[in-house]
Amino acid sequence: MPTLFIANPAANHGQNSALLTSLRERALRAQDATWVETKYEKHATELAARARADGFDTVAAVGGDGTVHETVNGLMQIGASERPSLGVIPIGTGNDFAMGSGLFTTDSNVALQRVLNRATTRAIDCARVTDGIQKTEYWDNTLGIGFDAAANLQAKSIKVVTGFAMYLLAVVRTIAQDFQASRMHLRVDGEELARDILMLTVGNGPREGGGFTCTPASILDDGLLNFCMVEQLSRAQMIALLPRVMNGTHVSDKHVTVGTFKKLHVQMDRHLPIHVDGEIFAFDARNELEIEVIPAGLRVIV
């Protein structure tokens, strides 16, 4: 049962050199293990896409949520009956997928041992997003339109802190910029509605940004995606809502609407930043999206 480890040396701002060396040594003690480090953007996607043809039935992403995202996009190019299982060794900044996927750990050594043991796998959903010019990408954890995607862009420019503190600082900076709502027309499993929306987050998993529980009711194997819509708020209201987003209690706020769907079409009145699993899908370039769930699209080692 050969395993391909796809490791990202740039994860966590490239501060994992000693940890990667230790993990690599342990991984390569196992029979039929191959370790490859990524060298450029979407290299993990290329490696994962040819994993089955190269003889691997397990692909382990060693990195953060971005590495997992790229790996998933490669695996989804392989037919479902041949698709390798996904392992996750979390060494990134946020590690939100690892916490929500059933691993429930950010301890890379524990996660590595689970991959090596292959004791338990879990079938989970993933999702696909397609824009108005037919650009398509798969994602496994969260998708954000508007405010949270703008905060994600802010986070990528912050070097002084890492982890949750980095994302929290990015959110505060985005609030200070007075981000404005967009008029969005939504078709939720055929039902039409229009709202002025500051932030639209879609979750397969419950959390993003290193610990913001935006869609707390998300379940990865229910065949559904969850959404959380936040209407226009003042800066003071944003600050007041922020701690509630951390623990998932914001869903009862009168400015927040939540629900589930299998297919969602979104039309925005202007171009907005959009992220998928913390990676930028579009920046001021798209105003139409279709999002749909792929039930049991992945099998994850937990």
C-alpha atoms as a PDB file:
ATOM      1  CA  MET A   1       0.000   0.000   0.000  1.00  0.00           C
ATOM      2  CA  PRO A   2       2.436   2.715  -1.179  1.00  0.00           C
ATOM      3  CA  THR A   3       2.065   6.206   0.258  1.00  0.00           C
ATOM      4  CA  LEU A   4       3.099   9.451  -1.383  1.00  0.00           C
ATOM      5  CA  PHE A   5       3.953  12.244   1.063  1.00  0.00           C
ATOM      6  CA  ILE A   6       3.639  15.686  -0.551  1.00  0.00           C
ATOM      7  CA  ALA A   7       5.422  18.174   1.719  1.00  0.00           C
ATOM      8  CA  ASN A   8       5.350  21.951   1.438  1.00  0.00           C
ATOM      9  CA  PRO A   9       8.565  23.514   2.814  1.00  0.00           C
ATOM     10  CA  ALA A  10       6.940  26.978   2.615  1.00  0.00           C
ATOM     11  CA  ALA A  11       4.115  26.071   5.031  1.00  0.00           C
ATOM     12  CA  ASN A  12       3.901  28.240   8.170  1.00  0.00           C
ATOM     13  CA  HIS A  13       6.072  30.871   6.485  1.00  0.00           C
ATOM     14  CA  GLY A  14       8.859  28.341   5.950  1.00  0.00           C
ATOM     15  CA  GLN A  15       9.540  27.905   9.672  1.00  0.00           C
ATOM     16  CA  ASN A  16       9.247  24.097   9.701  1.00  0.00           C
ATOM     17  CA  SER A  17      12.665  22.985   8.475  1.00  0.00           C
ATOM     18  CA  ALA A  18      13.619  20.897  11.525  1.00  0.00           C
ATOM     19  CA  LEU A  19      10.106  19.462  11.847  1.00  0.00           C
ATOM     20  CA  LEU A  20      10.018  18.475   8.174  1.00  0.00           C
ATOM     21  CA  THR A  21      13.352  16.698   8.520  1.00  0.00           C
ATOM     22  CA  SER A  22      12.055  14.718  11.495  1.00  0.00           C
ATOM     23  CA  LEU A  23       8.775  13.827   9.787  1.00  0.00           C
ATOM     24  CA  ARG A  24      10.566  12.832   6.586  1.00  0.00           C
ATOM     25  CA  GLU A  25      12.926  10.494   8.440  1.00  0.00           C
ATOM     26  CA  ARG A  26      10.025   8.800  10.226  1.00  0.00           C
ATOM     27  CA  ALA A  27       7.939   8.519   7.066  1.00  0.00           C
ATOM     28  CA  LEU A  28      10.722   6.971   5.015  1.00  0.00           C
ATOM     29  CA  ARG A  29      11.305   4.257   7.615  1.00  0.00           C
ATOM     30  CA  ALA A  30       7.977   2.850   6.489  1.00  0.00           C
ATOM     31  CA  GLN A  31       7.899   0.428   3.589  1.00  0.00           C
ATOM     32  CA  ASP A  32       6.760   1.838   0.215  1.00  0.00           C
ATOM     33  CA  ALA A  33       6.804   5.494   1.317  1.00  0.00           C
ATOM     34  CA  THR A  34       7.898   8.264  -1.049  1.00  0.00           C
ATOM     35  CA  TRP A  35       8.538  11.842   0.083  1.00  0.00           C
ATOM     36  CA  VAL A  36       8.432  14.761  -2.367  1.00  0.00           C
ATOM     37  CA  GLU A  37       8.719  18.453  -1.503  1.00  0.00           C
ATOM     38  CA  THR A  38       6.812  20.999  -3.572  1.00  0.00           C
ATOM     39  CA  LYS A  39       8.794  23.560  -5.508  1.00  0.00           C
ATOM     40  CA  TYR A  40       6.164  25.911  -6.947  1.00  0.00           C
ATOM     41  CA  GLU A  41       2.491  26.856  -6.774  1.00  0.00           C
ATOM     42  CA  LYS A  42       0.137  23.951  -7.604  1.00  0.00           C
ATOM     43  CA  HIS A  43       3.007  21.462  -7.666  1.00  0.00           C
ATOM     44  CA  ALA A  44       1.049  19.433  -5.083  1.00  0.00           C
ATOM     45  CA  THR A  45      -1.898  19.321  -7.501  1.00  0.00           C
ATOM     46  CA  GLU A  46       0.297  17.920 -10.265  1.00  0.00           C
ATOM     47  CA  LEU A  47       1.816  15.289  -7.977  1.00  0.00           C
ATOM     48  CA  ALA A  48      -1.538  14.184  -6.564  1.00  0.00           C
ATOM     49  CA  ALA A  49      -3.182  14.040  -9.993  1.00  0.00           C
ATOM     50  CA  ARG A  50      -0.747  11.385 -11.189  1.00  0.00           C
ATOM     51  CA  ALA A  51      -0.473   9.542  -7.860  1.00  0.00           C
ATOM     52  CA  ARG A  52      -2.602   6.557  -8.874  1.00  0.00           C
ATOM     53  CA  ALA A  53      -0.792   6.217 -12.201  1.00  0.00           C
ATOM     54  CA  ASP A  54       2.471   6.268 -10.236  1.00  0.00           C
ATOM     55  CA  GLY A  55       1.218   3.397  -8.074  1.00  0.00           C
ATOM     56  CA  PHE A  56       0.146   5.165  -4.866  1.00  0.00           C
ATOM     57  CA  ASP A  57      -3.101   4.415  -3.069  1.00  0.00           C
ATOM     58  CA  THR A  58      -2.568   6.991  -0.304  1.00  0.00           C
ATOM     59  CA  VAL A  59      -1.489  10.616  -0.683  1.00  0.00           C
ATOM     60  CA  ALA A  60      -0.554  12.559   2.456  1.00  0.00           C
ATOM     61  CA  ALA A  61      -0.436  16.361   2.371  1.00  0.00           C
ATOM     62  CA  VAL A  62       2.292  17.641   4.700  1.00  0.00           C
ATOM     63  CA  GLY A  63       1.574  21.332   5.120  1.00  0.00           C
ATOM     64  CA  GLY A  64      -1.265  23.713   5.877  1.00  0.00           C
ATOM     65  CA  ASP A  65      -4.734  24.185   4.454  1.00  0.00           C
ATOM     66  CA  GLY A  66      -3.282  25.446   1.165  1.00  0.00           C
ATOM     67  CA  THR A  67      -1.281  22.247   0.684  1.00  0.00           C
ATOM     68  CA  VAL A  68      -4.366  20.157   1.430  1.00  0.00           C
ATOM     69  CA  HIS A  69      -6.349  22.267  -1.038  1.00  0.00           C
ATOM     70  CA  GLU A  70      -3.838  21.735  -3.835  1.00  0.00           C
ATOM     71  CA  THR A  71      -3.628  18.009  -3.074  1.00  0.00           C
ATOM     72  CA  VAL A  72      -7.411  17.644  -3.137  1.00  0.00           C
ATOM     73  CA  ASN A  73      -7.557  19.375  -6.527  1.00  0.00           C
ATOM     74  CA  GLY A  74      -5.139  16.759  -7.844  1.00  0.00           C
ATOM     75  CA  LEU A  75      -6.977  13.818  -6.303  1.00  0.00           C
ATOM     76  CA  MET A  76     -10.296  14.976  -7.746  1.00  0.00           C
ATOM     77  CA  GLN A  77      -8.835  14.603 -11.245  1.00  0.00           C
ATOM     78  CA  ILE A  78      -8.739  10.839 -10.605  1.00  0.00           C
ATOM     79  CA  GLY A  79     -11.869   8.755 -11.051  1.00  0.00           C
ATOM     80  CA  ALA A  80     -13.761   8.025  -7.842  1.00  0.00           C
ATOM     81  CA  SER A  81     -13.167   4.266  -7.952  1.00  0.00           C
ATOM     82  CA  GLU A  82      -9.389   4.764  -8.332  1.00  0.00           C
ATOM     83  CA  ARG A  83      -8.945   7.851  -6.155  1.00  0.00           C
ATOM     84  CA  PRO A  84      -6.273   7.428  -3.432  1.00  0.00           C
ATOM     85  CA  SER A  85      -7.080   8.104   0.211  1.00  0.00           C
ATOM     86  CA  LEU A  86      -6.041  11.472   1.622  1.00  0.00           C
ATOM     87  CA  GLY A  87      -3.801  11.818   4.661  1.00  0.00           C
ATOM     88  CA  VAL A  88      -3.167  15.159   6.363  1.00  0.00           C
ATOM     89  CA  ILE A  89      -0.040  16.050   8.370  1.00  0.00           C
ATOM     90  CA  PRO A  90      -0.856  19.562   9.659  1.00  0.00           C
ATOM     91  CA  ILE A  91       2.153  21.889   9.859  1.00  0.00           C
ATOM     92  CA  GLY A  92       0.541  25.064   8.528  1.00  0.00           C
ATOM     93  CA  THR A  93      -0.628  28.347   9.982  1.00  0.00           C
ATOM     94  CA  GLY A  94      -4.331  27.629  10.430  1.00  0.00           C
ATOM     95  CA  ASN A  95      -4.775  23.859  10.000  1.00  0.00           C
ATOM     96  CA  ASP A  96      -8.547  24.319   9.938  1.00  0.00           C
ATOM     97  CA  PHE A  97      -9.268  21.286   7.779  1.00  0.00           C
ATOM     98  CA  ALA A  98      -7.279  19.029  10.094  1.00  0.00           C
ATOM     99  CA  MET A  99      -9.344  20.176  13.045  1.00  0.00           C
ATOM    100  CA  GLY A 100     -12.655  19.734  11.236  1.00  0.00           C
ATOM    101  CA  SER A 101     -12.056  16.625   9.139  1.00  0.00           C
ATOM    102  CA  GLY A 102     -12.062  14.094  11.949  1.00  0.00           C
ATOM    103  CA  LEU A 103      -8.361  14.326  12.772  1.00  0.00           C
ATOM    104  CA  PHE A 104      -9.143  16.779  15.576  1.00  0.00           C
ATOM    105  CA  THR A 105      -5.435  17.344  16.082  1.00  0.00           C
ATOM    106  CA  THR A 106      -2.767  19.764  14.978  1.00  0.00           C
ATOM    107  CA  ASP A 107      -0.053  17.471  16.338  1.00  0.00           C
ATOM    108  CA  SER A 108       1.893  16.510  13.216  1.00  0.00           C
ATOM    109  CA  ASN A 109       3.520  13.510  14.885  1.00  0.00           C
ATOM    110  CA  VAL A 110       0.160  12.034  15.886  1.00  0.00           C
ATOM    111  CA  ALA A 111      -1.185  12.659  12.382  1.00  0.00           C
ATOM    112  CA  LEU A 112       1.851  11.022  10.778  1.00  0.00           C
ATOM    113  CA  GLN A 113       1.407   7.899  12.884  1.00  0.00           C
ATOM    114  CA  ARG A 114      -2.240   7.667  11.804  1.00  0.00           C
ATOM    115  CA  VAL A 115      -1.201   7.821   8.155  1.00  0.00           C
ATOM    116  CA  LEU A 116       1.462   5.181   8.671  1.00  0.00           C
ATOM    117  CA  ASN A 117      -1.005   2.923  10.517  1.00  0.00           C
ATOM    118  CA  ARG A 118      -3.876   3.530   8.065  1.00  0.00           C
ATOM    119  CA  ALA A 119      -6.134   2.366  10.876  1.00  0.00           C
ATOM    120  CA  THR A 120      -9.294   4.295  10.011  1.00  0.00           C
ATOM    121  CA  THR A 121     -10.610   6.134   6.965  1.00  0.00           C
ATOM    122  CA  ARG A 122     -13.659   8.328   6.690  1.00  0.00           C
ATOM    123  CA  ALA A 123     -15.610   9.232   3.551  1.00  0.00           C
ATOM    124  CA  ILE A 124     -16.263  12.991   3.482  1.00  0.00           C
ATOM    125  CA  ASP A 125     -17.850  15.432   1.087  1.00  0.00           C
ATOM    126  CA  CYS A 126     -15.936  17.999  -0.913  1.00  0.00           C
ATOM    127  CA  ALA A 127     -17.173  20.811  -3.128  1.00  0.00           C
ATOM    128  CA  ARG A 128     -16.699  22.463  -6.493  1.00  0.00           C
ATOM    129  CA  VAL A 129     -16.923  26.143  -7.426  1.00  0.00           C
ATOM    130  CA  THR A 130     -17.314  27.440 -10.981  1.00  0.00           C
ATOM    131  CA  ASP A 131     -17.303  31.097 -11.975  1.00  0.00           C
ATOM    132  CA  GLY A 132     -18.961  32.941 -14.843  1.00  0.00           C
ATOM    133  CA  ILE A 133     -16.126  32.173 -17.266  1.00  0.00           C
ATOM    134  CA  GLN A 134     -16.054  28.465 -16.299  1.00  0.00           C
ATOM    135  CA  LYS A 135     -12.975  28.535 -14.082  1.00  0.00           C
ATOM    136  CA  THR A 136     -13.460  25.536 -11.785  1.00  0.00           C
ATOM    137  CA  GLU A 137     -11.761  24.567  -8.553  1.00  0.00           C
ATOM    138  CA  TYR A 138     -12.421  21.923  -5.903  1.00  0.00           C
ATOM    139  CA  TRP A 139     -12.313  22.721  -2.215  1.00  0.00           C
ATOM    140  CA  ASP A 140     -12.544  20.742   0.988  1.00  0.00           C
ATOM    141  CA  ASN A 141     -13.167  23.110   3.904  1.00  0.00           C
ATOM    142  CA  THR A 142     -14.500  26.641   3.352  1.00  0.00           C
ATOM    143  CA  LEU A 143     -15.235  29.206   0.676  1.00  0.00           C
ATOM    144  CA  GLY A 144     -15.628  32.887   1.453  1.00  0.00           C
ATOM    145  CA  ILE A 145     -16.956  35.846  -0.517  1.00  0.00           C
ATOM    146  CA  GLY A 146     -16.479  39.438   0.568  1.00  0.00           C
ATOM    147  CA  PHE A 147     -15.278  40.319   4.058  1.00  0.00           C
ATOM    148  CA  ASP A 148     -13.582  37.058   5.056  1.00  0.00           C
ATOM    149  CA  ALA A 149     -11.819  36.823   1.694  1.00  0.00           C
ATOM    150  CA  ALA A 150     -10.618  40.420   2.126  1.00  0.00           C
ATOM    151  CA  ALA A 151      -9.329  39.489   5.593  1.00  0.00           C
ATOM    152  CA  ASN A 152      -7.575  36.494   4.060  1.00  0.00           C
ATOM    153  CA  LEU A 153      -5.765  38.825   1.658  1.00  0.00           C
ATOM    154  CA  GLN A 154      -4.752  40.978   4.627  1.00  0.00           C
ATOM    155  CA  ALA A 155      -3.385  37.899   6.433  1.00  0.00           C
ATOM    156  CA  LYS A 156      -1.047  37.077   3.553  1.00  0.00           C
ATOM    157  CA  SER A 157       0.730  40.405   4.053  1.00  0.00           C
ATOM    158  CA  ILE A 158       1.279  39.986   7.813  1.00  0.00           C
ATOM    159  CA  LYS A 159       4.718  38.725   8.819  1.00  0.00           C
ATOM    160  CA  VAL A 160       5.052  39.840  12.453  1.00  0.00           C
ATOM    161  CA  VAL A 161       2.790  37.138  13.935  1.00  0.00           C
ATOM    162  CA  THR A 162       1.544  33.704  12.854  1.00  0.00           C
ATOM    163  CA  GLY A 163      -1.307  31.349  13.653  1.00  0.00           C
ATOM    164  CA  PHE A 164      -4.622  32.614  14.981  1.00  0.00           C
ATOM    165  CA  ALA A 165      -3.092  35.952  16.007  1.00  0.00           C
ATOM    166  CA  MET A 166      -2.254  36.626  12.350  1.00  0.00           C
ATOM    167  CA  TYR A 167      -5.836  36.011  11.233  1.00  0.00           C
ATOM    168  CA  LEU A 168      -7.271  38.045  14.103  1.00  0.00           C
ATOM    169  CA  LEU A 169      -5.045  40.998  13.205  1.00  0.00           C
ATOM    170  CA  ALA A 170      -6.121  40.642   9.566  1.00  0.00           C
ATOM    171  CA  VAL A 171      -9.797  40.780  10.569  1.00  0.00           C
ATOM    172  CA  VAL A 172      -9.239  43.899  12.674  1.00  0.00           C
ATOM    173  CA  ARG A 173      -7.423  45.596   9.784  1.00  0.00           C
ATOM    174  CA  THR A 174     -10.269  44.723   7.407  1.00  0.00           C
ATOM    175  CA  ILE A 175     -12.826  46.153   9.844  1.00  0.00           C
ATOM    176  CA  ALA A 176     -10.764  49.358  10.015  1.00  0.00           C
ATOM    177  CA  GLN A 177     -10.990  49.671   6.237  1.00  0.00           C
ATOM    178  CA  ASP A 178     -14.811  49.774   6.499  1.00  0.00           C
ATOM    179  CA  PHE A 179     -15.557  46.947   4.067  1.00  0.00           C
ATOM    180  CA  GLN A 180     -18.968  47.468   2.441  1.00  0.00           C
ATOM    181  CA  ALA A 181     -21.746  44.976   1.715  1.00  0.00           C
ATOM    182  CA  SER A 182     -22.594  43.843  -1.809  1.00  0.00           C
ATOM    183  CA  ARG A 183     -26.061  43.268  -3.222  1.00  0.00           C
ATOM    184  CA  MET A 184     -26.194  39.539  -3.886  1.00  0.00           C
ATOM    185  CA  HIS A 185     -28.816  37.546  -5.738  1.00  0.00           C
ATOM    186  CA  LEU A 186     -28.808  33.948  -4.545  1.00  0.00           C
ATOM    187  CA  ARG A 187     -30.450  30.796  -5.848  1.00  0.00           C
ATOM    188  CA  VAL A 188     -30.309  28.261  -3.014  1.00  0.00           C
ATOM    189  CA  ASP A 189     -31.381  24.839  -4.346  1.00  0.00           C
ATOM    190  CA  GLY A 190     -33.780  26.692  -6.644  1.00  0.00           C
ATOM    191  CA  GLU A 191     -35.086  29.213  -4.091  1.00  0.00           C
ATOM    192  CA  GLU A 192     -34.372  32.848  -5.031  1.00  0.00           C
ATOM    193  CA  LEU A 193     -33.473  35.636  -2.624  1.00  0.00           C
ATOM    194  CA  ALA A 194     -31.606  38.956  -2.667  1.00  0.00           C
ATOM    195  CA  ARG A 195     -29.732  40.541   0.230  1.00  0.00           C
ATOM    196  CA  ASP A 196     -27.105  43.186   0.999  1.00  0.00           C
ATOM    197  CA  ILE A 197     -24.361  40.878   2.264  1.00  0.00           C
ATOM    198  CA  LEU A 198     -21.120  41.857   3.960  1.00  0.00           C
ATOM    199  CA  MET A 199     -19.803  38.289   4.117  1.00  0.00           C
ATOM    200  CA  LEU A 200     -20.951  34.999   2.657  1.00  0.00           C
ATOM    201  CA  THR A 201     -19.109  31.963   4.007  1.00  0.00           C
ATOM    202  CA  VAL A 202     -19.804  28.448   2.764  1.00  0.00           C
ATOM    203  CA  GLY A 203     -18.582  25.609   4.942  1.00  0.00           C
ATOM    204  CA  ASN A 204     -17.977  21.940   4.382  1.00  0.00           C
ATOM    205  CA  GLY A 205     -16.038  22.061   7.653  1.00  0.00           C
ATOM    206  CA  PRO A 206     -16.973  24.335  10.571  1.00  0.00           C
ATOM    207  CA  ARG A 207     -13.964  26.640  10.920  1.00  0.00           C
ATOM    208  CA  GLU A 208     -11.547  28.855   9.021  1.00  0.00           C
ATOM    209  CA  GLY A 209      -8.882  31.472   9.729  1.00  0.00           C
ATOM    210  CA  GLY A 210      -7.147  29.420  12.403  1.00  0.00           C
ATOM    211  CA  GLY A 211     -10.215  29.113  14.615  1.00  0.00           C
ATOM    212  CA  PHE A 212     -13.170  31.252  13.489  1.00  0.00           C
ATOM    213  CA  THR A 213     -16.177  28.920  13.666  1.00  0.00           C
ATOM    214  CA  CYS A 214     -18.142  30.496  10.828  1.00  0.00           C
ATOM    215  CA  THR A 215     -20.424  27.545  10.027  1.00  0.00           C
ATOM    216  CA  PRO A 216     -20.619  25.624  13.332  1.00  0.00           C
ATOM    217  CA  ALA A 217     -23.305  23.201  12.107  1.00  0.00           C
ATOM    218  CA  SER A 218     -21.190  21.947   9.181  1.00  0.00           C
ATOM    219  CA  ILE A 219     -20.831  18.168   8.974  1.00  0.00           C
ATOM    220  CA  LEU A 220     -18.368  16.782   6.454  1.00  0.00           C
ATOM    221  CA  ASP A 221     -20.295  13.652   5.543  1.00  0.00           C
ATOM    222  CA  ASP A 222     -23.945  14.790   5.364  1.00  0.00           C
ATOM    223  CA  GLY A 223     -24.065  15.497   1.605  1.00  0.00           C
ATOM    224  CA  LEU A 224     -24.737  19.194   2.251  1.00  0.00           C
ATOM    225  CA  LEU A 225     -22.861  22.487   2.452  1.00  0.00           C
ATOM    226  CA  ASN A 226     -23.666  25.116   5.074  1.00  0.00           C
ATOM    227  CA  PHE A 227     -23.774  28.854   4.497  1.00  0.00           C
ATOM    228  CA  CYS A 228     -23.521  31.855   6.792  1.00  0.00           C
ATOM    229  CA  MET A 229     -24.574  35.276   5.497  1.00  0.00           C
ATOM    230  CA  VAL A 230     -23.774  38.425   7.461  1.00  0.00           C
ATOM    231  CA  GLU A 231     -25.583  41.621   6.471  1.00  0.00           C
ATOM    232  CA  GLN A 232     -24.070  45.104   6.541  1.00  0.00           C
ATOM    233  CA  LEU A 233     -22.801  46.050  10.010  1.00  0.00           C
ATOM    234  CA  SER A 234     -21.215  49.140  11.504  1.00  0.00           C
ATOM    235  CA  ARG A 235     -17.633  48.860  12.709  1.00  0.00           C
ATOM    236  CA  ALA A 236     -18.854  48.727  16.302  1.00  0.00           C
ATOM    237  CA  GLN A 237     -21.254  45.901  15.443  1.00  0.00           C
ATOM    238  CA  MET A 238     -18.449  44.008  13.689  1.00  0.00           C
ATOM    239  CA  ILE A 239     -16.223  44.260  16.745  1.00  0.00           C
ATOM    240  CA  ALA A 240     -19.087  43.105  18.986  1.00  0.00           C
ATOM    241  CA  LEU A 241     -19.831  40.125  16.728  1.00  0.00           C
ATOM    242  CA  LEU A 242     -16.184  39.059  16.392  1.00  0.00           C
ATOM    243  CA  PRO A 243     -15.853  36.997  19.624  1.00  0.00           C
ATOM    244  CA  ARG A 244     -19.125  35.247  18.806  1.00  0.00           C
ATOM    245  CA  VAL A 245     -17.759  34.171  15.427  1.00  0.00           C
ATOM    246  CA  MET A 246     -14.823  32.610  17.247  1.00  0.00           C
ATOM    247  CA  ASN A 247     -17.072  30.303  19.263  1.00  0.00           C
ATOM    248  CA  GLY A 248     -19.866  29.876  16.720  1.00  0.00           C
ATOM    249  CA  THR A 249     -22.632  31.658  18.660  1.00  0.00           C
ATOM    250  CA  HIS A 250     -22.977  34.436  16.050  1.00  0.00           C
ATOM    251  CA  VAL A 251     -25.558  32.347  14.155  1.00  0.00           C
ATOM    252  CA  SER A 252     -28.327  33.599  16.482  1.00  0.00           C
ATOM    253  CA  ASP A 253     -27.619  37.261  15.710  1.00  0.00           C
ATOM    254  CA  LYS A 254     -30.403  39.099  13.850  1.00  0.00           C
ATOM    255  CA  HIS A 255     -27.927  40.192  11.143  1.00  0.00           C
ATOM    256  CA  VAL A 256     -26.857  36.603  10.404  1.00  0.00           C
ATOM    257  CA  THR A 257     -28.648  34.022   8.252  1.00  0.00           C
ATOM    258  CA  VAL A 258     -27.577  30.381   8.077  1.00  0.00           C
ATOM    259  CA  GLY A 259     -28.760  27.374   6.109  1.00  0.00           C
ATOM    260  CA  THR A 260     -27.772  24.366   4.010  1.00  0.00           C
ATOM    261  CA  PHE A 261     -27.787  23.514   0.315  1.00  0.00           C
ATOM    262  CA  LYS A 262     -26.574  21.162  -2.378  1.00  0.00           C
ATOM    263  CA  LYS A 263     -26.213  23.802  -5.097  1.00  0.00           C
ATOM    264  CA  LEU A 264     -25.889  27.571  -4.740  1.00  0.00           C
ATOM    265  CA  HIS A 265     -25.742  30.210  -7.468  1.00  0.00           C
ATOM    266  CA  VAL A 266     -24.454  33.663  -6.475  1.00  0.00           C
ATOM    267  CA  GLN A 267     -24.637  36.865  -8.520  1.00  0.00           C
ATOM    268  CA  MET A 268     -22.909  39.924  -7.008  1.00  0.00           C
ATOM    269  CA  ASP A 269     -23.382  43.565  -7.902  1.00  0.00           C
ATOM    270  CA  ARG A 270     -19.636  44.134  -8.063  1.00  0.00           C
ATOM    271  CA  HIS A 271     -16.383  42.192  -8.209  1.00  0.00           C
ATOM    272  CA  LEU A 272     -15.424  40.838  -4.791  1.00  0.00           C
ATOM    273  CA  PRO A 273     -12.474  38.888  -3.397  1.00  0.00           C
ATOM    274  CA  ILE A 274     -13.177  35.158  -3.080  1.00  0.00           C
ATOM    275  CA  HIS A 275     -11.158  32.526  -1.242  1.00  0.00           C
ATOM    276  CA  VAL A 276     -11.293  28.735  -1.266  1.00  0.00           C
ATOM    277  CA  ASP A 277      -9.636  26.975   1.709  1.00  0.00           C
ATOM    278  CA  GLY A 278      -7.708  30.186   2.377  1.00  0.00           C
ATOM    279  CA  GLU A 279      -6.357  30.360  -1.182  1.00  0.00           C
ATOM    280  CA  ILE A 280      -7.397  33.242  -3.420  1.00  0.00           C
ATOM    281  CA  PHE A 281      -9.816  32.063  -6.103  1.00  0.00           C
ATOM    282  CA  ALA A 282     -10.406  35.573  -7.415  1.00  0.00           C
ATOM    283  CA  PHE A 283      -9.548  39.122  -6.440  1.00  0.00           C
ATOM    284  CA  ASP A 284     -11.789  41.849  -7.863  1.00  0.00           C
ATOM    285  CA  ALA A 285     -12.357  39.740 -10.960  1.00  0.00           C
ATOM    286  CA  ARG A 286     -15.506  37.625 -10.508  1.00  0.00           C
ATOM    287  CA  ASN A 287     -19.114  38.444  -9.723  1.00  0.00           C
ATOM    288  CA  GLU A 288     -20.878  35.162 -10.491  1.00  0.00           C
ATOM    289  CA  LEU A 289     -20.342  31.748  -8.913  1.00  0.00           C
ATOM    290  CA  GLU A 290     -21.963  28.334  -8.764  1.00  0.00           C
ATOM    291  CA  ILE A 291     -21.092  26.162  -5.765  1.00  0.00           C
ATOM    292  CA  GLU A 292     -22.104  22.523  -5.376  1.00  0.00           C
ATOM    293  CA  VAL A 293     -21.386  19.660  -3.022  1.00  0.00           C
ATOM    294  CA  ILE A 294     -19.771  16.392  -4.134  1.00  0.00           C
ATOM    295  CA  PRO A 295     -21.035  13.827  -1.599  1.00  0.00           C
ATOM    296  CA  ALA A 296     -18.418  11.375  -0.303  1.00  0.00           C
ATOM    297  CA  GLY A 297     -15.890  12.719  -2.800  1.00  0.00           C
ATOM    298  CA  LEU A 298     -12.877  12.015  -0.588  1.00  0.00           C
ATOM    299  CA  ARG A 299     -11.729   9.290   1.767  1.00  0.00           C
ATOM    300  CA  VAL A 300      -9.610  10.723   4.589  1.00  0.00           C
ATOM    301  CA  ILE A 301      -7.341   8.884   7.007  1.00  0.00           C
ATOM    302  CA  VAL A 302      -8.365   9.808  10.551  1.00  0.00           C
END
